[in-house]
N, C-alpha and C. Protein backbone atom coordinates (compact mmCIF):
# COMPACT_ATOMS: atom_id res chain seq x y z
N MET A 1 98.41 1.78 121.94
CA MET A 1 99.45 0.93 121.41
C MET A 1 99.88 1.45 120.04
N VAL A 2 101.01 1.00 119.61
CA VAL A 2 101.55 1.41 118.32
C VAL A 2 100.81 0.65 117.23
N SER A 3 100.54 1.30 116.13
CA SER A 3 99.81 0.63 115.05
C SER A 3 100.70 -0.42 114.39
N GLU A 4 100.03 -1.33 113.69
CA GLU A 4 100.76 -2.40 112.98
C GLU A 4 101.78 -1.81 112.02
N ARG A 5 101.38 -0.78 111.28
CA ARG A 5 102.24 -0.18 110.26
C ARG A 5 103.46 0.50 110.90
N GLN A 6 103.25 1.21 112.03
CA GLN A 6 104.33 1.96 112.64
C GLN A 6 105.40 1.06 113.24
N SER A 7 105.02 -0.11 113.73
CA SER A 7 105.98 -0.91 114.48
C SER A 7 106.68 -1.97 113.64
N THR A 8 106.40 -2.05 112.39
CA THR A 8 106.99 -3.08 111.54
C THR A 8 108.14 -2.51 110.73
N ARG A 9 109.24 -3.22 110.78
CA ARG A 9 110.37 -2.81 109.95
C ARG A 9 110.00 -3.04 108.49
N THR A 10 110.41 -2.13 107.66
CA THR A 10 110.14 -2.27 106.23
C THR A 10 111.21 -3.15 105.60
N GLU A 11 110.97 -3.53 104.37
CA GLU A 11 111.97 -4.31 103.64
C GLU A 11 113.26 -3.51 103.52
N ALA A 12 113.14 -2.20 103.36
CA ALA A 12 114.34 -1.34 103.30
C ALA A 12 115.11 -1.40 104.62
N ASP A 13 114.39 -1.45 105.74
CA ASP A 13 115.05 -1.57 107.04
C ASP A 13 115.79 -2.90 107.14
N HIS A 14 115.14 -3.97 106.69
CA HIS A 14 115.80 -5.29 106.71
C HIS A 14 117.04 -5.29 105.81
N GLN A 15 116.93 -4.68 104.65
CA GLN A 15 118.08 -4.58 103.74
C GLN A 15 119.22 -3.81 104.40
N ARG A 16 118.88 -2.71 105.06
CA ARG A 16 119.89 -1.90 105.74
C ARG A 16 120.59 -2.71 106.84
N LEU A 17 119.82 -3.46 107.63
CA LEU A 17 120.42 -4.29 108.67
C LEU A 17 121.34 -5.34 108.06
N ARG A 18 120.88 -5.99 107.01
CA ARG A 18 121.74 -6.99 106.34
C ARG A 18 123.02 -6.35 105.82
N SER A 19 122.88 -5.17 105.20
CA SER A 19 124.05 -4.47 104.66
C SER A 19 125.02 -4.11 105.77
N LEU A 20 124.49 -3.56 106.86
CA LEU A 20 125.35 -3.22 108.00
C LEU A 20 126.05 -4.46 108.53
N PHE A 21 125.31 -5.56 108.63
CA PHE A 21 125.90 -6.79 109.12
C PHE A 21 127.05 -7.26 108.23
N PHE A 22 126.82 -7.27 106.93
CA PHE A 22 127.86 -7.73 106.02
C PHE A 22 129.08 -6.81 106.06
N LEU A 23 128.85 -5.50 106.17
CA LEU A 23 129.97 -4.56 106.31
C LEU A 23 130.72 -4.82 107.62
N ALA A 24 129.97 -5.00 108.71
CA ALA A 24 130.59 -5.27 110.01
C ALA A 24 131.35 -6.59 109.98
N ARG A 25 130.77 -7.58 109.33
CA ARG A 25 131.42 -8.89 109.23
C ARG A 25 132.75 -8.78 108.49
N ASP A 26 132.81 -7.84 107.54
CA ASP A 26 134.04 -7.64 106.78
C ASP A 26 135.02 -6.69 107.46
N GLY A 27 134.71 -6.28 108.71
CA GLY A 27 135.66 -5.49 109.48
C GLY A 27 135.37 -4.01 109.58
N ASN A 28 134.26 -3.53 109.07
CA ASN A 28 133.91 -2.12 109.14
C ASN A 28 133.40 -1.80 110.55
N GLU A 29 134.24 -1.11 111.34
CA GLU A 29 133.90 -0.82 112.73
C GLU A 29 132.71 0.13 112.85
N GLN A 30 132.60 1.10 111.96
CA GLN A 30 131.47 2.03 112.00
C GLN A 30 130.16 1.28 111.76
N ALA A 31 130.16 0.36 110.84
CA ALA A 31 128.96 -0.44 110.57
C ALA A 31 128.60 -1.30 111.78
N PHE A 32 129.63 -1.85 112.45
CA PHE A 32 129.37 -2.64 113.65
C PHE A 32 128.75 -1.78 114.74
N ARG A 33 129.29 -0.57 114.96
CA ARG A 33 128.72 0.33 115.98
C ARG A 33 127.28 0.68 115.65
N GLU A 34 127.02 0.97 114.39
CA GLU A 34 125.66 1.32 113.98
C GLU A 34 124.71 0.12 114.15
N LEU A 35 125.17 -1.05 113.78
CA LEU A 35 124.37 -2.26 113.96
C LEU A 35 124.08 -2.49 115.44
N HIS A 36 125.10 -2.32 116.26
CA HIS A 36 124.95 -2.45 117.71
C HIS A 36 123.90 -1.47 118.22
N ASP A 37 123.96 -0.23 117.77
CA ASP A 37 123.00 0.79 118.21
C ASP A 37 121.57 0.44 117.78
N VAL A 38 121.41 -0.03 116.56
CA VAL A 38 120.08 -0.37 116.05
C VAL A 38 119.49 -1.56 116.80
N LEU A 39 120.33 -2.53 117.13
CA LEU A 39 119.84 -3.74 117.78
C LEU A 39 119.73 -3.62 119.29
N SER A 40 120.39 -2.64 119.89
CA SER A 40 120.47 -2.60 121.35
C SER A 40 119.11 -2.51 122.03
N ARG A 41 118.25 -1.61 121.59
CA ARG A 41 116.97 -1.43 122.27
C ARG A 41 116.07 -2.66 122.18
N PRO A 42 115.81 -3.19 120.97
CA PRO A 42 114.93 -4.37 120.92
C PRO A 42 115.54 -5.60 121.60
N LEU A 43 116.85 -5.79 121.46
CA LEU A 43 117.48 -6.94 122.10
C LEU A 43 117.50 -6.78 123.62
N MET A 44 117.74 -5.57 124.11
CA MET A 44 117.71 -5.35 125.56
C MET A 44 116.32 -5.62 126.11
N ALA A 45 115.29 -5.16 125.42
CA ALA A 45 113.92 -5.42 125.87
C ALA A 45 113.64 -6.92 125.90
N TYR A 46 114.10 -7.60 124.88
CA TYR A 46 113.91 -9.05 124.80
C TYR A 46 114.65 -9.75 125.94
N CYS A 47 115.91 -9.39 126.15
CA CYS A 47 116.69 -10.00 127.22
C CYS A 47 116.08 -9.69 128.59
N LEU A 48 115.61 -8.47 128.76
CA LEU A 48 115.00 -8.07 130.03
C LEU A 48 113.72 -8.85 130.29
N SER A 49 113.02 -9.24 129.24
CA SER A 49 111.80 -10.02 129.44
C SER A 49 112.12 -11.38 130.06
N PHE A 50 113.32 -11.87 129.87
CA PHE A 50 113.73 -13.13 130.48
C PHE A 50 114.34 -12.91 131.86
N THR A 51 115.22 -11.93 131.97
CA THR A 51 115.97 -11.77 133.21
C THR A 51 115.22 -11.00 134.28
N ARG A 52 114.44 -10.02 133.86
CA ARG A 52 113.74 -9.10 134.76
C ARG A 52 114.71 -8.36 135.68
N ASP A 53 115.93 -8.27 135.25
CA ASP A 53 116.98 -7.59 136.01
C ASP A 53 117.87 -6.89 134.99
N LEU A 54 118.02 -5.57 135.13
CA LEU A 54 118.73 -4.80 134.11
C LEU A 54 120.18 -5.23 133.94
N GLU A 55 120.89 -5.44 135.03
CA GLU A 55 122.30 -5.83 134.91
C GLU A 55 122.45 -7.19 134.22
N SER A 56 121.60 -8.13 134.58
CA SER A 56 121.64 -9.44 133.92
C SER A 56 121.27 -9.31 132.45
N ALA A 57 120.30 -8.44 132.16
CA ALA A 57 119.90 -8.22 130.76
C ALA A 57 121.04 -7.62 129.96
N LYS A 58 121.78 -6.69 130.56
CA LYS A 58 122.94 -6.10 129.87
C LYS A 58 123.98 -7.18 129.57
N ASP A 59 124.25 -8.03 130.56
CA ASP A 59 125.21 -9.12 130.36
C ASP A 59 124.73 -10.06 129.26
N LEU A 60 123.45 -10.38 129.30
CA LEU A 60 122.89 -11.28 128.30
C LEU A 60 122.92 -10.65 126.91
N PHE A 61 122.63 -9.35 126.84
CA PHE A 61 122.70 -8.63 125.57
C PHE A 61 124.11 -8.72 124.99
N GLN A 62 125.12 -8.51 125.83
CA GLN A 62 126.50 -8.60 125.36
C GLN A 62 126.82 -10.02 124.89
N GLN A 63 126.27 -11.01 125.60
CA GLN A 63 126.48 -12.40 125.18
C GLN A 63 125.84 -12.64 123.81
N VAL A 64 124.65 -12.10 123.60
CA VAL A 64 123.98 -12.25 122.31
C VAL A 64 124.81 -11.61 121.21
N MET A 65 125.29 -10.39 121.45
CA MET A 65 126.10 -9.71 120.43
C MET A 65 127.39 -10.49 120.16
N THR A 66 127.98 -11.06 121.20
CA THR A 66 129.17 -11.89 121.02
C THR A 66 128.82 -13.12 120.18
N ASN A 67 127.68 -13.75 120.48
CA ASN A 67 127.25 -14.92 119.70
C ASN A 67 127.00 -14.56 118.25
N VAL A 68 126.39 -13.40 118.01
CA VAL A 68 126.15 -12.94 116.64
C VAL A 68 127.49 -12.80 115.92
N PHE A 69 128.46 -12.20 116.59
CA PHE A 69 129.78 -12.02 115.99
C PHE A 69 130.45 -13.37 115.73
N GLU A 70 130.38 -14.26 116.72
CA GLU A 70 131.02 -15.57 116.56
C GLU A 70 130.37 -16.41 115.47
N LYS A 71 129.07 -16.24 115.28
CA LYS A 71 128.33 -17.02 114.28
C LYS A 71 128.16 -16.26 112.97
N ARG A 72 128.90 -15.19 112.80
CA ARG A 72 128.71 -14.30 111.65
C ARG A 72 128.85 -15.00 110.30
N ASP A 73 129.65 -16.05 110.25
CA ASP A 73 129.83 -16.76 108.99
C ASP A 73 128.67 -17.71 108.69
N GLN A 74 127.77 -17.90 109.64
CA GLN A 74 126.63 -18.79 109.43
C GLN A 74 125.46 -18.08 108.76
N PHE A 75 125.47 -16.74 108.75
CA PHE A 75 124.39 -16.00 108.10
C PHE A 75 124.84 -15.60 106.71
N HIS A 76 124.04 -15.98 105.73
CA HIS A 76 124.37 -15.65 104.34
C HIS A 76 123.29 -14.81 103.69
N ASP A 77 122.06 -15.17 103.92
CA ASP A 77 120.96 -14.45 103.30
C ASP A 77 119.71 -14.74 104.13
N GLY A 78 118.67 -14.02 103.88
CA GLY A 78 117.42 -14.25 104.60
C GLY A 78 117.11 -13.10 105.53
N ASN A 79 116.33 -13.40 106.53
CA ASN A 79 115.86 -12.39 107.46
C ASN A 79 116.86 -12.23 108.60
N PHE A 80 117.62 -11.15 108.56
CA PHE A 80 118.67 -10.92 109.55
C PHE A 80 118.09 -10.78 110.95
N SER A 81 117.01 -10.01 111.10
CA SER A 81 116.40 -9.80 112.42
C SER A 81 115.97 -11.12 113.04
N ALA A 82 115.33 -11.96 112.25
CA ALA A 82 114.89 -13.26 112.75
C ALA A 82 116.09 -14.11 113.17
N TRP A 83 117.17 -14.05 112.40
CA TRP A 83 118.38 -14.80 112.73
C TRP A 83 118.95 -14.32 114.06
N VAL A 84 119.03 -13.00 114.24
CA VAL A 84 119.56 -12.44 115.48
C VAL A 84 118.67 -12.82 116.66
N PHE A 85 117.36 -12.71 116.49
CA PHE A 85 116.47 -13.02 117.61
C PHE A 85 116.40 -14.52 117.89
N THR A 86 116.72 -15.35 116.93
CA THR A 86 116.86 -16.78 117.21
C THR A 86 118.07 -17.01 118.10
N ILE A 87 119.16 -16.34 117.80
CA ILE A 87 120.35 -16.42 118.66
C ILE A 87 120.01 -15.89 120.05
N ALA A 88 119.28 -14.78 120.10
CA ALA A 88 118.90 -14.19 121.39
C ALA A 88 118.00 -15.15 122.17
N ARG A 89 117.03 -15.75 121.49
CA ARG A 89 116.13 -16.69 122.17
C ARG A 89 116.93 -17.84 122.77
N ASN A 90 117.85 -18.39 122.01
CA ASN A 90 118.66 -19.50 122.52
C ASN A 90 119.52 -19.08 123.70
N ALA A 91 120.13 -17.91 123.62
CA ALA A 91 120.95 -17.41 124.73
C ALA A 91 120.09 -17.16 125.97
N CYS A 92 118.91 -16.60 125.76
CA CYS A 92 118.01 -16.32 126.89
C CYS A 92 117.54 -17.61 127.55
N ARG A 93 117.22 -18.59 126.75
CA ARG A 93 116.76 -19.86 127.32
C ARG A 93 117.89 -20.57 128.05
N THR A 94 119.10 -20.46 127.54
CA THR A 94 120.25 -21.02 128.25
C THR A 94 120.44 -20.31 129.57
N TRP A 95 120.37 -18.97 129.54
CA TRP A 95 120.50 -18.19 130.78
C TRP A 95 119.42 -18.59 131.77
N GLU A 96 118.19 -18.71 131.27
CA GLU A 96 117.06 -19.02 132.13
C GLU A 96 117.22 -20.38 132.80
N SER A 97 117.78 -21.33 132.08
CA SER A 97 117.95 -22.66 132.66
C SER A 97 119.08 -22.69 133.69
N ARG A 98 119.96 -21.71 133.64
CA ARG A 98 121.10 -21.67 134.56
C ARG A 98 120.94 -20.69 135.71
N SER A 99 120.00 -19.80 135.60
CA SER A 99 119.91 -18.72 136.57
C SER A 99 118.55 -18.69 137.24
N ARG A 100 118.55 -18.16 138.43
CA ARG A 100 117.24 -17.92 139.04
C ARG A 100 116.75 -16.58 138.55
N ARG A 101 115.46 -16.42 138.53
CA ARG A 101 114.87 -15.20 137.98
C ARG A 101 114.71 -14.16 139.08
N PHE A 102 114.99 -12.92 138.73
CA PHE A 102 114.83 -11.79 139.62
C PHE A 102 113.62 -10.99 139.20
N VAL A 103 112.93 -10.42 140.15
CA VAL A 103 111.82 -9.54 139.83
C VAL A 103 112.28 -8.12 140.13
N ALA A 104 112.56 -7.38 139.08
CA ALA A 104 113.02 -5.99 139.20
C ALA A 104 112.25 -5.16 138.19
N ILE A 105 111.00 -4.92 138.46
CA ILE A 105 110.11 -4.25 137.52
C ILE A 105 110.63 -2.87 137.14
N ASP A 106 111.28 -2.18 138.05
CA ASP A 106 111.74 -0.82 137.77
C ASP A 106 112.73 -0.77 136.61
N ASP A 107 113.45 -1.85 136.36
CA ASP A 107 114.46 -1.84 135.31
C ASP A 107 113.87 -1.68 133.92
N LEU A 108 112.65 -2.13 133.71
CA LEU A 108 112.04 -1.99 132.39
C LEU A 108 111.84 -0.53 132.04
N ASP A 109 111.79 0.33 133.04
CA ASP A 109 111.62 1.77 132.82
C ASP A 109 112.68 2.31 131.88
N GLN A 110 113.92 1.85 132.02
CA GLN A 110 114.99 2.37 131.18
C GLN A 110 114.83 1.96 129.72
N ILE A 111 114.15 0.85 129.48
CA ILE A 111 113.95 0.38 128.12
C ILE A 111 112.78 1.10 127.46
N ILE A 112 111.68 1.29 128.19
CA ILE A 112 110.50 1.87 127.55
C ILE A 112 110.35 3.36 127.79
N ALA A 113 111.29 3.97 128.49
CA ALA A 113 111.18 5.41 128.75
C ALA A 113 111.10 6.22 127.46
N GLU A 114 111.80 5.75 126.41
CA GLU A 114 111.77 6.46 125.14
C GLU A 114 110.38 6.47 124.52
N ASP A 115 109.56 5.50 124.89
CA ASP A 115 108.21 5.41 124.34
C ASP A 115 107.17 6.01 125.28
N ASN A 116 107.59 6.75 126.27
CA ASN A 116 106.67 7.35 127.23
C ASN A 116 105.68 8.23 126.48
N ARG A 117 104.43 7.92 126.61
CA ARG A 117 103.37 8.64 125.91
C ARG A 117 102.66 9.62 126.86
N GLY A 118 103.42 10.29 127.71
CA GLY A 118 102.83 11.25 128.64
C GLY A 118 102.34 10.61 129.92
N LEU A 119 102.76 9.40 130.20
CA LEU A 119 102.37 8.73 131.43
C LEU A 119 103.25 9.19 132.57
N ASP A 120 102.68 9.26 133.77
CA ASP A 120 103.51 9.61 134.91
C ASP A 120 104.24 8.36 135.41
N THR A 121 105.11 8.53 136.38
CA THR A 121 105.96 7.44 136.86
C THR A 121 105.15 6.26 137.36
N ASP A 122 104.09 6.52 138.11
CA ASP A 122 103.26 5.43 138.62
C ASP A 122 102.57 4.67 137.49
N GLU A 123 102.13 5.40 136.48
CA GLU A 123 101.47 4.75 135.34
C GLU A 123 102.45 3.91 134.55
N ILE A 124 103.67 4.41 134.38
CA ILE A 124 104.70 3.63 133.68
C ILE A 124 104.98 2.35 134.44
N ALA A 125 105.11 2.45 135.76
CA ALA A 125 105.36 1.27 136.59
C ALA A 125 104.21 0.27 136.47
N TYR A 126 102.99 0.77 136.38
CA TYR A 126 101.82 -0.09 136.24
C TYR A 126 101.84 -0.83 134.90
N VAL A 127 102.19 -0.12 133.84
CA VAL A 127 102.29 -0.74 132.51
C VAL A 127 103.41 -1.78 132.51
N GLN A 128 104.55 -1.43 133.10
CA GLN A 128 105.68 -2.37 133.18
C GLN A 128 105.26 -3.63 133.91
N SER A 129 104.59 -3.45 135.01
CA SER A 129 104.15 -4.58 135.81
C SER A 129 103.22 -5.48 135.01
N ALA A 130 102.30 -4.86 134.29
CA ALA A 130 101.35 -5.63 133.47
C ALA A 130 102.07 -6.44 132.41
N ILE A 131 103.07 -5.85 131.76
CA ILE A 131 103.83 -6.56 130.73
C ILE A 131 104.63 -7.70 131.34
N LEU A 132 105.31 -7.42 132.45
CA LEU A 132 106.16 -8.44 133.07
C LEU A 132 105.36 -9.58 133.69
N GLU A 133 104.11 -9.34 134.01
CA GLU A 133 103.28 -10.40 134.60
C GLU A 133 102.63 -11.30 133.56
N LEU A 134 102.75 -10.94 132.30
CA LEU A 134 102.23 -11.81 131.24
C LEU A 134 103.01 -13.12 131.24
N PRO A 135 102.36 -14.22 130.89
CA PRO A 135 103.12 -15.46 130.70
C PRO A 135 104.22 -15.24 129.65
N GLU A 136 105.30 -15.97 129.77
CA GLU A 136 106.47 -15.76 128.91
C GLU A 136 106.13 -15.72 127.43
N GLU A 137 105.29 -16.65 126.96
CA GLU A 137 105.01 -16.70 125.53
C GLU A 137 104.26 -15.46 125.05
N PHE A 138 103.45 -14.85 125.92
CA PHE A 138 102.75 -13.62 125.57
C PHE A 138 103.68 -12.41 125.69
N ARG A 139 104.45 -12.39 126.76
CA ARG A 139 105.38 -11.28 127.00
C ARG A 139 106.40 -11.18 125.86
N THR A 140 106.90 -12.32 125.43
CA THR A 140 107.90 -12.35 124.37
C THR A 140 107.37 -11.75 123.07
N VAL A 141 106.17 -12.17 122.65
CA VAL A 141 105.65 -11.65 121.38
C VAL A 141 105.31 -10.17 121.48
N ILE A 142 104.83 -9.73 122.63
CA ILE A 142 104.53 -8.29 122.82
C ILE A 142 105.81 -7.48 122.73
N LEU A 143 106.86 -7.93 123.41
CA LEU A 143 108.13 -7.18 123.39
C LEU A 143 108.75 -7.18 122.00
N LEU A 144 108.72 -8.30 121.32
CA LEU A 144 109.29 -8.34 119.97
C LEU A 144 108.49 -7.48 119.01
N ARG A 145 107.18 -7.49 119.13
CA ARG A 145 106.32 -6.74 118.21
C ARG A 145 106.41 -5.25 118.44
N TYR A 146 106.28 -4.83 119.69
CA TYR A 146 106.16 -3.40 119.96
C TYR A 146 107.45 -2.72 120.39
N PHE A 147 108.39 -3.47 120.94
CA PHE A 147 109.67 -2.87 121.31
C PHE A 147 110.78 -3.30 120.36
N GLY A 148 110.60 -4.46 119.73
CA GLY A 148 111.58 -4.95 118.77
C GLY A 148 111.23 -4.60 117.34
N ASP A 149 110.08 -3.98 117.14
CA ASP A 149 109.64 -3.56 115.81
C ASP A 149 109.67 -4.71 114.80
N MET A 150 109.33 -5.90 115.25
CA MET A 150 109.35 -7.06 114.36
C MET A 150 107.95 -7.33 113.82
N SER A 151 107.89 -7.78 112.59
CA SER A 151 106.61 -8.17 111.99
C SER A 151 106.19 -9.52 112.58
N VAL A 152 104.93 -9.86 112.37
CA VAL A 152 104.41 -11.14 112.83
C VAL A 152 105.20 -12.29 112.20
N ALA A 153 105.50 -12.17 110.92
CA ALA A 153 106.27 -13.22 110.23
C ALA A 153 107.68 -13.33 110.81
N ASP A 154 108.30 -12.20 111.12
CA ASP A 154 109.64 -12.22 111.70
C ASP A 154 109.63 -12.87 113.08
N ILE A 155 108.61 -12.57 113.88
CA ILE A 155 108.48 -13.17 115.21
C ILE A 155 108.31 -14.68 115.07
N ALA A 156 107.46 -15.10 114.14
CA ALA A 156 107.24 -16.53 113.91
C ALA A 156 108.55 -17.23 113.58
N GLU A 157 109.33 -16.61 112.71
CA GLU A 157 110.61 -17.21 112.32
C GLU A 157 111.59 -17.23 113.49
N ALA A 158 111.67 -16.13 114.23
CA ALA A 158 112.60 -16.05 115.36
C ALA A 158 112.23 -17.00 116.49
N GLU A 159 110.94 -17.17 116.73
CA GLU A 159 110.47 -18.03 117.83
C GLU A 159 110.23 -19.47 117.39
N ASP A 160 110.37 -19.72 116.09
CA ASP A 160 110.17 -21.05 115.52
C ASP A 160 108.75 -21.57 115.80
N ILE A 161 107.78 -20.68 115.54
CA ILE A 161 106.37 -21.03 115.67
C ILE A 161 105.64 -20.52 114.43
N SER A 162 104.39 -20.91 114.27
CA SER A 162 103.64 -20.49 113.09
C SER A 162 103.18 -19.04 113.21
N VAL A 163 102.92 -18.43 112.07
CA VAL A 163 102.38 -17.07 112.04
C VAL A 163 101.05 -17.03 112.78
N SER A 164 100.23 -18.05 112.59
CA SER A 164 98.93 -18.11 113.27
C SER A 164 99.10 -18.11 114.78
N LEU A 165 100.07 -18.86 115.27
CA LEU A 165 100.30 -18.90 116.72
C LEU A 165 100.79 -17.55 117.24
N VAL A 166 101.61 -16.86 116.48
CA VAL A 166 102.04 -15.51 116.88
C VAL A 166 100.82 -14.61 116.99
N LYS A 167 99.94 -14.66 115.99
CA LYS A 167 98.74 -13.81 116.01
C LYS A 167 97.85 -14.14 117.20
N ILE A 168 97.70 -15.41 117.50
CA ILE A 168 96.90 -15.82 118.66
C ILE A 168 97.52 -15.29 119.95
N ARG A 169 98.83 -15.46 120.09
CA ARG A 169 99.50 -14.98 121.31
C ARG A 169 99.42 -13.46 121.44
N LEU A 170 99.59 -12.75 120.33
CA LEU A 170 99.45 -11.29 120.38
C LEU A 170 98.04 -10.90 120.78
N PHE A 171 97.05 -11.56 120.21
CA PHE A 171 95.65 -11.26 120.54
C PHE A 171 95.39 -11.49 122.02
N ARG A 172 95.81 -12.63 122.53
CA ARG A 172 95.57 -12.96 123.94
C ARG A 172 96.35 -12.04 124.87
N ALA A 173 97.57 -11.70 124.48
CA ALA A 173 98.36 -10.76 125.30
C ALA A 173 97.69 -9.40 125.34
N ARG A 174 97.22 -8.93 124.18
CA ARG A 174 96.52 -7.64 124.14
C ARG A 174 95.26 -7.68 124.98
N GLN A 175 94.54 -8.80 124.94
CA GLN A 175 93.33 -8.93 125.76
C GLN A 175 93.68 -8.78 127.24
N ARG A 176 94.71 -9.48 127.67
CA ARG A 176 95.11 -9.41 129.08
C ARG A 176 95.56 -8.01 129.46
N LEU A 177 96.33 -7.38 128.58
CA LEU A 177 96.79 -6.02 128.87
C LEU A 177 95.62 -5.04 128.87
N THR A 178 94.68 -5.23 127.97
CA THR A 178 93.51 -4.35 127.93
C THR A 178 92.70 -4.48 129.21
N THR A 179 92.52 -5.70 129.67
CA THR A 179 91.79 -5.92 130.91
C THR A 179 92.51 -5.26 132.08
N ARG A 180 93.80 -5.43 132.13
CA ARG A 180 94.58 -4.89 133.25
C ARG A 180 94.75 -3.38 133.15
N LEU A 181 94.96 -2.86 131.94
CA LEU A 181 95.28 -1.44 131.78
C LEU A 181 94.09 -0.58 131.38
N GLY A 182 92.94 -1.19 131.13
CA GLY A 182 91.76 -0.44 130.71
C GLY A 182 91.45 0.77 131.57
N PRO A 183 91.37 0.62 132.89
CA PRO A 183 91.08 1.79 133.73
C PRO A 183 92.13 2.90 133.61
N LEU A 184 93.39 2.52 133.46
CA LEU A 184 94.47 3.51 133.31
C LEU A 184 94.32 4.28 132.01
N LEU A 185 93.89 3.57 130.96
CA LEU A 185 93.77 4.19 129.65
C LEU A 185 92.43 4.90 129.45
N GLY A 186 91.57 4.80 130.44
CA GLY A 186 90.33 5.57 130.40
C GLY A 186 89.15 4.89 129.74
N TYR A 187 89.14 3.57 129.72
CA TYR A 187 87.96 2.90 129.21
C TYR A 187 87.67 1.67 130.05
N SER A 188 86.42 1.27 130.06
CA SER A 188 86.03 0.12 130.86
C SER A 188 86.13 -1.14 130.01
N VAL A 189 86.38 -2.23 130.68
CA VAL A 189 86.49 -3.51 129.97
C VAL A 189 85.51 -4.51 130.53
């Protein structure tokens, strides 16, 4: 897994996102494109954790970006990533309440392929399956932490839960993944 230090956005990263957002809000198209590019991977992973279907996740991602644009005047200061993921969480929960869920494990491959650590196709599918089979509250924190590069505090703010609860969910999710993936990773559990 990625270390705590490697997967956490720095304060400089948060400042850059806020700056890009404010530039985009003021009409700078290049800043909007860059912001879109920076947010696409973590938001797609987050949306996919709800939809489990790549096409639905793409649609949901576009809805989230539209909501961010429409609500752009509501953000003034603070944690931009947490604000965006709060919008994403609300959009995902609305989608979830209106849609039936699809099981399309292969679609996660397109999101995590960039993080392929030398695993073959079957191993990637096994890891994807393990992540997608986690209960939603565990899957969400894992995706936000390791694919969304969010800190524990940012996840707590975005999910509207305590930092302690985020840590507990991450610990329990890691335990389940370790149990399931231990043989693949070469150690017994």
